[in-house]
């Protein structure tokens, strides 16, 4: 396939665009062409189901494309671009239930909740993406996650060919994962959250956020103060989408924070790390800290066109970058951290299409001539 402006084929009221460059639809701005179907409020989803049938495979769903890496050759699967919008609210006992369409902007939802004094997702301020992505990877940041407030998901089940309603328990939400992650079986159509009305935030549980606000843990502050502080912290790390920022071509943190045991937590804390215990009871260390401690420098080029961000230890793309190069750079970082610490990092963004470099990025790691567990190279001694 080759990229073009896209030809259109109509099926009822649904439009399929062919040979559309996915690079323009992702925040990394990488990837080849695909057949794209637009899903918005004017489309009946059953018409989309009919249109997809000739592919004999479920579509890939794409929102803002902020957590994906698309292969340089694109994908043969149809891509469903979720653009449905809308929020409906109803009271239930002492809570407010918000049902939100899957294509609705997550930043817009956070702003809506702030304006309505609804607490539970205020620390997700500045997270790029759509509401439909929230249950897929249990989106979370700075002490809150989707699982805290999600009550119900409506989805199309491509296996049973019917619309289904799943409870929060059905979604099997975990740390940045769920039953939907790495699966094309379901297309999420809408999500319902249970939020509480209050002028003050939920208690602050994330130390970095408490430090930024100069308040003790468990403090409660006005929602605007929380959102402003979160966005300021994210902006310092280059984690707010800004076309004028040279670090803008990013997929956020590309590795999950790995689970560590009590001994590891104590050891890494002595070395300057900040382990955090999450809602699932597991203690994790930030992957960005591991990369910094392993000796990677801000701005350091890893493969042509792919470098460490100038603000935060994650990877960003520059002119000349390719999906293959980004995957290879991620594998290099992953292997180095494992060699230095014995800790294996897991690549977080979804991989779309097929790229030979994906294999190394997802395979188990074995260490040859390993250093002692949790010991870093001499060049990391300056880390504090």
Protein backbone atom coordinates (compact mmCIF):
# COMPACT_ATOMS: atom_id res chain seq x y z
CA UNK A 1 0.00 0.00 0.00
CA UNK A 2 1.08 3.59 -0.57
CA UNK A 3 -0.08 6.73 1.19
CA UNK A 4 -2.39 9.14 -0.58
CA UNK A 5 -5.05 11.69 0.22
CA UNK A 6 -7.50 8.80 0.30
CA UNK A 7 -10.30 7.67 -1.97
CA UNK A 8 -13.79 7.36 -0.56
CA UNK A 9 -16.28 4.50 -0.76
CA UNK A 10 -19.75 4.96 0.71
CA UNK A 11 -21.83 2.27 2.42
CA UNK A 12 -25.19 3.60 3.52
CA UNK A 13 -24.18 6.73 5.46
CA UNK A 14 -20.74 5.45 6.47
CA UNK A 15 -17.60 6.55 4.65
CA UNK A 16 -14.49 4.40 4.31
CA UNK A 17 -11.29 6.24 3.36
CA UNK A 18 -8.59 4.15 1.73
CA UNK A 19 -4.81 4.49 1.95
CA UNK A 20 -4.96 7.08 4.72
CA UNK A 21 -1.63 7.84 6.40
CA UNK A 22 -1.90 6.92 10.08
CA UNK A 23 1.12 9.09 10.88
CA UNK A 24 -1.19 12.11 10.71
CA UNK A 25 -3.53 10.46 13.24
CA UNK A 26 -0.97 9.65 15.94
CA UNK A 27 1.05 11.80 18.33
CA UNK A 28 4.32 10.11 17.33
CA UNK A 29 3.51 11.01 13.71
CA UNK A 30 4.81 7.63 12.57
CA UNK A 31 3.25 4.85 10.55
CA UNK A 32 2.00 3.88 7.14
CA UNK A 33 -1.42 3.73 5.49
CA UNK A 34 -4.68 1.99 6.38
CA UNK A 35 -8.34 1.94 5.49
CA UNK A 36 -10.04 4.34 7.90
CA UNK A 37 -13.72 4.40 8.90
CA UNK A 38 -15.01 7.49 10.70
CA UNK A 39 -17.35 6.81 13.61
CA UNK A 40 -19.19 9.92 14.78
CA UNK A 41 -22.58 10.88 16.20
CA UNK A 42 -24.22 10.77 12.77
CA UNK A 43 -23.27 7.15 12.11
CA UNK A 44 -25.28 4.12 13.14
CA UNK A 45 -22.73 1.64 14.49
CA UNK A 46 -24.53 -1.27 12.82
CA UNK A 47 -23.75 0.33 9.47
CA UNK A 48 -20.09 0.31 10.47
CA UNK A 49 -20.41 -3.37 11.39
CA UNK A 50 -21.73 -4.10 7.91
CA UNK A 51 -18.96 -2.10 6.28
CA UNK A 52 -16.25 -4.01 8.18
CA UNK A 53 -17.55 -7.47 7.23
CA UNK A 54 -15.46 -7.87 4.05
CA UNK A 55 -12.25 -7.67 6.10
CA UNK A 56 -13.28 -10.70 8.18
CA UNK A 57 -11.32 -9.16 11.07
CA UNK A 58 -12.34 -6.72 13.79
CA UNK A 59 -11.12 -3.15 13.29
CA UNK A 60 -8.40 -1.36 15.19
CA UNK A 61 -9.97 1.49 17.19
CA UNK A 62 -8.12 4.80 17.26
CA UNK A 63 -8.86 7.90 19.30
CA UNK A 64 -6.14 10.52 19.52
CA UNK A 65 -3.45 7.97 18.68
CA UNK A 66 -1.46 9.04 21.74
CA UNK A 67 -0.57 5.55 22.96
CA UNK A 68 0.19 3.64 19.76
CA UNK A 69 3.12 2.80 17.51
CA UNK A 70 2.05 2.14 13.92
CA UNK A 71 4.26 0.06 11.62
CA UNK A 72 5.96 1.86 8.74
CA UNK A 73 3.92 -0.20 6.27
CA UNK A 74 0.70 0.55 8.13
CA UNK A 75 -1.86 -2.16 8.73
CA UNK A 76 -4.17 -4.29 6.59
CA UNK A 77 -6.84 -4.17 9.31
CA UNK A 78 -9.55 -1.52 9.04
CA UNK A 79 -9.05 1.38 11.46
CA UNK A 80 -12.10 2.79 13.23
CA UNK A 81 -11.57 6.45 14.06
CA UNK A 82 -13.71 7.18 17.12
CA UNK A 83 -15.16 10.69 16.96
CA UNK A 84 -18.43 10.28 18.88
CA UNK A 85 -18.98 12.99 21.51
CA UNK A 86 -21.37 13.80 24.32
CA UNK A 87 -21.82 13.68 28.10
CA UNK A 88 -25.07 12.87 29.89
CA UNK A 89 -25.48 13.17 33.66
CA UNK A 90 -27.95 11.75 36.15
CA UNK A 91 -28.08 11.67 39.93
CA UNK A 92 -27.98 8.40 41.84
CA UNK A 93 -28.08 8.61 45.62
CA UNK A 94 -25.12 10.81 46.64
CA UNK A 95 -23.26 10.37 43.34
CA UNK A 96 -23.49 11.70 39.80
CA UNK A 97 -23.36 9.18 36.98
CA UNK A 98 -21.76 10.47 33.80
CA UNK A 99 -22.22 8.49 30.59
CA UNK A 100 -19.69 9.65 28.01
CA UNK A 101 -19.32 8.72 24.35
CA UNK A 102 -16.11 6.86 23.48
CA UNK A 103 -14.73 9.49 21.11
CA UNK A 104 -15.18 12.33 23.57
CA UNK A 105 -12.00 14.17 24.53
CA UNK A 106 -10.61 13.12 27.92
CA UNK A 107 -9.23 16.64 28.62
CA UNK A 108 -12.71 18.00 27.90
CA UNK A 109 -14.25 15.52 30.35
CA UNK A 110 -11.79 16.57 33.06
CA UNK A 111 -12.66 20.23 32.42
CA UNK A 112 -16.38 19.41 32.56
CA UNK A 113 -15.95 17.68 35.93
CA UNK A 114 -13.95 20.58 37.29
CA UNK A 115 -16.66 23.04 36.25
CA UNK A 116 -19.36 20.84 37.82
CA UNK A 117 -17.34 20.20 41.03
CA UNK A 118 -17.24 16.47 40.37
CA UNK A 119 -14.25 14.70 41.89
CA UNK A 120 -12.54 11.45 41.00
CA UNK A 121 -10.61 12.16 37.79
CA UNK A 122 -9.07 15.58 38.51
CA UNK A 123 -5.48 14.29 38.45
CA UNK A 124 -5.99 13.07 34.87
CA UNK A 125 -5.78 16.70 33.73
CA UNK A 126 -3.63 17.02 30.63
CA UNK A 127 -3.71 13.32 29.70
CA UNK A 128 -4.20 13.23 25.91
CA UNK A 129 -6.75 10.89 24.42
CA UNK A 130 -10.39 9.90 24.30
CA UNK A 131 -12.73 8.53 26.93
CA UNK A 132 -12.96 5.20 25.11
CA UNK A 133 -9.28 4.60 25.83
CA UNK A 134 -9.74 5.01 29.57
CA UNK A 135 -10.96 1.48 30.39
CA UNK A 136 -8.69 -0.12 27.80
CA UNK A 137 -5.53 0.69 29.70
CA UNK A 138 -7.10 1.80 32.96
CA UNK A 139 -5.77 5.29 32.33
CA UNK A 140 -4.30 6.84 35.46
CA UNK A 141 -1.95 9.53 36.70
CA UNK A 142 -0.79 11.07 39.96
CA UNK A 143 -2.80 8.81 42.25
CA UNK A 144 -6.06 8.34 40.38
CA UNK A 145 -7.07 5.83 37.72
CA UNK A 146 -10.10 4.90 35.69
CA UNK A 147 -10.93 1.95 37.97
CA UNK A 148 -11.65 4.37 40.84
CA UNK A 149 -14.80 5.71 39.19
CA UNK A 150 -15.80 3.47 36.26
CA UNK A 151 -19.09 1.62 36.68
CA UNK A 152 -20.04 0.41 33.22
CA UNK A 153 -18.84 0.06 29.62
CA UNK A 154 -21.01 -0.38 26.54
CA UNK A 155 -19.13 -2.05 23.70
CA UNK A 156 -19.60 -3.89 20.43
CA UNK A 157 -18.43 -7.50 20.76
CA UNK A 158 -17.07 -8.51 17.35
CA UNK A 159 -16.93 -12.16 18.40
CA UNK A 160 -20.61 -12.46 19.28
CA UNK A 161 -21.70 -9.71 16.88
CA UNK A 162 -23.77 -7.86 19.46
CA UNK A 163 -23.72 -4.83 21.70
CA UNK A 164 -22.84 -5.72 25.29
CA UNK A 165 -22.78 -3.96 28.64
CA UNK A 166 -19.91 -4.80 30.98
CA UNK A 167 -19.59 -3.91 34.64
CA UNK A 168 -16.34 -2.58 36.07
CA UNK A 169 -15.62 -6.09 37.38
CA UNK A 170 -16.19 -7.53 33.90
CA UNK A 171 -13.53 -5.17 32.53
CA UNK A 172 -10.79 -6.83 34.66
CA UNK A 173 -9.02 -3.53 35.21
CA UNK A 174 -5.40 -3.69 36.38
CA UNK A 175 -2.40 -1.39 36.34
CA UNK A 176 -2.63 0.21 32.86
CA UNK A 177 -4.40 -2.87 31.56
CA UNK A 178 -7.79 -4.55 31.21
CA UNK A 179 -9.49 -7.34 29.30
CA UNK A 180 -9.60 -4.95 26.33
CA UNK A 181 -5.84 -4.35 26.17
CA UNK A 182 -4.05 -6.07 23.24
CA UNK A 183 -7.42 -7.31 21.96
CA UNK A 184 -9.53 -6.26 18.97
CA UNK A 185 -12.58 -8.21 20.18
CA UNK A 186 -14.42 -5.17 21.52
CA UNK A 187 -15.00 -1.63 20.28
CA UNK A 188 -15.92 0.58 23.22
CA UNK A 189 -18.93 2.81 22.50
CA UNK A 190 -19.57 4.60 25.78
CA UNK A 191 -18.33 4.66 29.36
CA UNK A 192 -20.16 5.46 32.61
CA UNK A 193 -18.46 6.90 35.70
CA UNK A 194 -19.73 7.46 39.25
CA UNK A 195 -18.40 10.74 40.64
CA UNK A 196 -18.95 12.69 43.85
CA UNK A 197 -19.81 16.36 43.99
CA UNK A 198 -17.41 18.42 46.10
CA UNK A 199 -15.57 21.73 45.97
CA UNK A 200 -12.45 19.94 47.24
CA UNK A 201 -10.48 17.22 45.49
CA UNK A 202 -10.14 13.63 46.58
CA UNK A 203 -7.24 13.20 49.05
CA UNK A 204 -3.84 13.59 47.37
CA UNK A 205 -2.05 10.24 47.52
CA UNK A 206 0.80 10.76 45.06
CA UNK A 207 3.93 12.20 46.65
CA UNK A 208 5.20 14.03 43.56
CA UNK A 209 1.91 15.91 43.29
CA UNK A 210 1.87 16.72 47.01
CA UNK A 211 5.43 18.05 46.72
CA UNK A 212 4.51 20.20 43.72
CA UNK A 213 1.63 21.69 45.72
CA UNK A 214 3.74 21.93 48.89
CA UNK A 215 1.08 20.15 50.96
CA UNK A 216 1.08 16.95 53.03
CA UNK A 217 -0.24 13.70 51.57
CA UNK A 218 -4.01 13.25 52.00
CA UNK A 219 -4.61 17.00 51.63
CA UNK A 220 -7.73 18.12 49.77
CA UNK A 221 -7.61 21.25 47.64
CA UNK A 222 -9.86 23.09 45.16
CA UNK A 223 -10.14 21.21 41.88
CA UNK A 224 -8.63 24.07 39.89
CA UNK A 225 -5.51 24.00 42.09
CA UNK A 226 -5.11 20.26 41.51
CA UNK A 227 -5.61 20.45 37.75
CA UNK A 228 -3.26 23.42 37.37
CA UNK A 229 -0.54 21.67 39.40
CA UNK A 230 -0.88 18.42 37.45
CA UNK A 231 -0.67 20.20 34.11
CA UNK A 232 2.37 22.20 35.31
CA UNK A 233 4.14 18.97 36.33
CA UNK A 234 3.22 17.31 33.04
CA UNK A 235 4.38 20.34 31.05
CA UNK A 236 7.79 20.30 32.73
CA UNK A 237 8.11 16.70 31.58
CA UNK A 238 6.93 17.43 28.05
CA UNK A 239 3.79 15.40 28.70
CA UNK A 240 1.32 18.03 27.46
CA UNK A 241 0.66 18.06 23.73
CA UNK A 242 2.02 21.34 22.35
CA UNK A 243 2.88 21.68 18.64
CA UNK A 244 5.49 24.34 19.47
CA UNK A 245 7.36 21.96 21.79
CA UNK A 246 10.28 20.12 20.07
CA UNK A 247 9.48 17.13 22.30
CA UNK A 248 5.86 17.04 21.11
CA UNK A 249 6.16 13.85 19.01
CA UNK A 250 5.70 11.51 21.93
CA UNK A 251 3.63 8.59 23.17
CA UNK A 252 4.10 9.62 26.80
CA UNK A 253 5.87 7.18 29.07
CA UNK A 254 6.73 4.29 26.78
CA UNK A 255 7.31 1.73 29.55
CA UNK A 256 5.09 0.65 32.41
CA UNK A 257 6.46 1.19 35.90
CA UNK A 258 7.68 -2.31 36.84
CA UNK A 259 6.50 -4.06 40.00
CA UNK A 260 9.21 -4.31 42.66
CA UNK A 261 9.32 -6.13 45.98
CA UNK A 262 10.00 -4.59 49.39
CA UNK A 263 13.76 -5.25 49.19
CA UNK A 264 14.01 -3.73 45.74
CA UNK A 265 11.97 -0.72 46.86
CA UNK A 266 14.29 -0.12 49.81
CA UNK A 267 17.39 -0.51 47.65
CA UNK A 268 16.16 1.78 44.87
CA UNK A 269 14.95 4.37 47.35
CA UNK A 270 18.46 4.56 48.82
CA UNK A 271 19.72 5.21 45.29
CA UNK A 272 17.32 8.14 44.89
CA UNK A 273 14.27 6.41 43.43
CA UNK A 274 10.70 7.14 44.53
CA UNK A 275 8.75 3.88 44.65
CA UNK A 276 4.98 4.29 44.86
CA UNK A 277 2.35 1.79 46.04
CA UNK A 278 -0.66 1.77 43.72
CA UNK A 279 -4.32 0.94 44.28
CA UNK A 280 -3.74 -2.70 43.35
CA UNK A 281 -1.35 -3.05 46.29
CA UNK A 282 1.76 -3.39 44.13
CA UNK A 283 4.78 -1.14 44.56
CA UNK A 284 6.33 0.18 41.36
CA UNK A 285 9.28 2.33 40.38
CA UNK A 286 9.00 4.83 37.56
CA UNK A 287 10.55 3.65 34.29
CA UNK A 288 11.84 7.18 33.65
CA UNK A 289 13.89 7.01 36.86
CA UNK A 290 15.34 3.65 35.83
CA UNK A 291 16.37 5.06 32.46
CA UNK A 292 18.01 8.07 34.08
CA UNK A 293 19.75 5.93 36.69
CA UNK A 294 21.00 3.59 33.97
CA UNK A 295 22.90 6.51 32.48
CA UNK A 296 20.71 7.85 29.67
CA UNK A 297 20.91 11.59 29.23
CA UNK A 298 18.19 14.01 28.24
CA UNK A 299 18.31 14.66 24.50
CA UNK A 300 20.49 11.61 23.82
CA UNK A 301 19.97 10.10 20.35
CA UNK A 302 19.31 6.36 20.44
CA UNK A 303 18.58 5.59 16.79
CA UNK A 304 18.38 7.99 13.81
CA UNK A 305 15.53 10.41 14.48
CA UNK A 306 14.70 8.89 17.88
CA UNK A 307 16.07 10.37 21.09
CA UNK A 308 15.42 10.78 24.78
CA UNK A 309 13.20 13.80 25.42
CA UNK A 310 14.97 16.97 26.51
CA UNK A 311 12.63 17.19 29.53
CA UNK A 312 11.88 13.68 30.73
CA UNK A 313 13.31 10.19 30.35
CA UNK A 314 11.11 8.83 27.61
CA UNK A 315 11.55 8.62 23.85
CA UNK A 316 10.42 11.19 21.29
CA UNK A 317 10.56 11.25 17.50
CA UNK A 318 12.30 13.82 15.29
CA UNK A 319 12.60 14.28 11.54
CA UNK A 320 13.86 11.05 9.99
CA UNK A 321 12.33 8.79 12.61
CA UNK A 322 10.64 5.53 11.62
CA UNK A 323 8.45 3.11 13.53
CA UNK A 324 11.16 0.46 13.12
CA UNK A 325 13.73 2.86 14.55
CA UNK A 326 11.48 3.79 17.45
CA UNK A 327 10.89 0.14 18.29
CA UNK A 328 14.63 -0.58 18.04
CA UNK A 329 15.44 2.38 20.31
CA UNK A 330 12.88 1.15 22.85
CA UNK A 331 14.43 -2.31 22.76
CA UNK A 332 17.88 -0.82 23.38
CA UNK A 333 16.66 1.05 26.46
CA UNK A 334 14.80 -1.99 27.72
CA UNK A 335 17.82 -4.28 27.32
CA UNK A 336 20.20 -1.83 29.00
CA UNK A 337 17.97 -1.36 32.05
CA UNK A 338 17.57 -5.12 32.35
CA UNK A 339 21.32 -5.68 32.08
CA UNK A 340 21.99 -3.05 34.74
CA UNK A 341 19.25 -3.95 37.20
CA UNK A 342 17.66 -7.30 36.40
CA UNK A 343 14.36 -5.42 36.06
CA UNK A 344 12.39 -5.98 32.86
CA UNK A 345 10.49 -3.04 31.38
CA UNK A 346 7.23 -3.61 29.49
CA UNK A 347 6.49 -1.48 26.42
CA UNK A 348 3.19 0.31 27.02
CA UNK A 349 1.90 1.66 23.66
CA UNK A 350 -0.19 -0.61 21.48
CA UNK A 351 1.62 -1.98 18.43
CA UNK A 352 -0.38 -1.63 15.22
CA UNK A 353 0.63 -3.52 12.09
CA UNK A 354 3.65 -5.78 11.73
CA UNK A 355 7.24 -4.65 12.14
CA UNK A 356 10.21 -7.05 12.55
CA UNK A 357 11.56 -4.80 15.32
CA UNK A 358 8.40 -5.48 17.36
CA UNK A 359 9.63 -9.01 18.07
CA UNK A 360 12.66 -7.96 20.09
CA UNK A 361 10.63 -5.32 21.88
CA UNK A 362 8.13 -7.83 23.23
CA UNK A 363 10.21 -10.94 23.84
CA UNK A 364 11.51 -12.01 27.29
CA UNK A 365 14.99 -10.81 28.21
CA UNK A 366 17.88 -12.91 29.47
CA UNK A 367 20.97 -11.35 30.99
CA UNK A 368 24.45 -12.49 30.06
CA UNK A 369 27.18 -11.63 32.59
CA UNK A 370 24.65 -9.64 34.64
CA UNK A 371 25.65 -7.02 37.11
CA UNK A 372 24.52 -7.58 40.68
CA UNK A 373 20.76 -7.11 41.12
CA UNK A 374 19.68 -3.46 41.23
CA UNK A 375 23.26 -2.19 40.73
CA UNK A 376 23.74 0.60 38.22
CA UNK A 377 26.78 1.45 36.10
CA UNK A 378 29.31 3.89 37.52
CA UNK A 379 27.98 6.65 35.24
CA UNK A 380 24.71 6.70 37.26
CA UNK A 381 26.37 7.62 40.53
CA UNK A 382 25.52 11.27 40.06
CA UNK A 383 21.82 10.47 40.06
CA UNK A 384 20.03 11.78 43.09
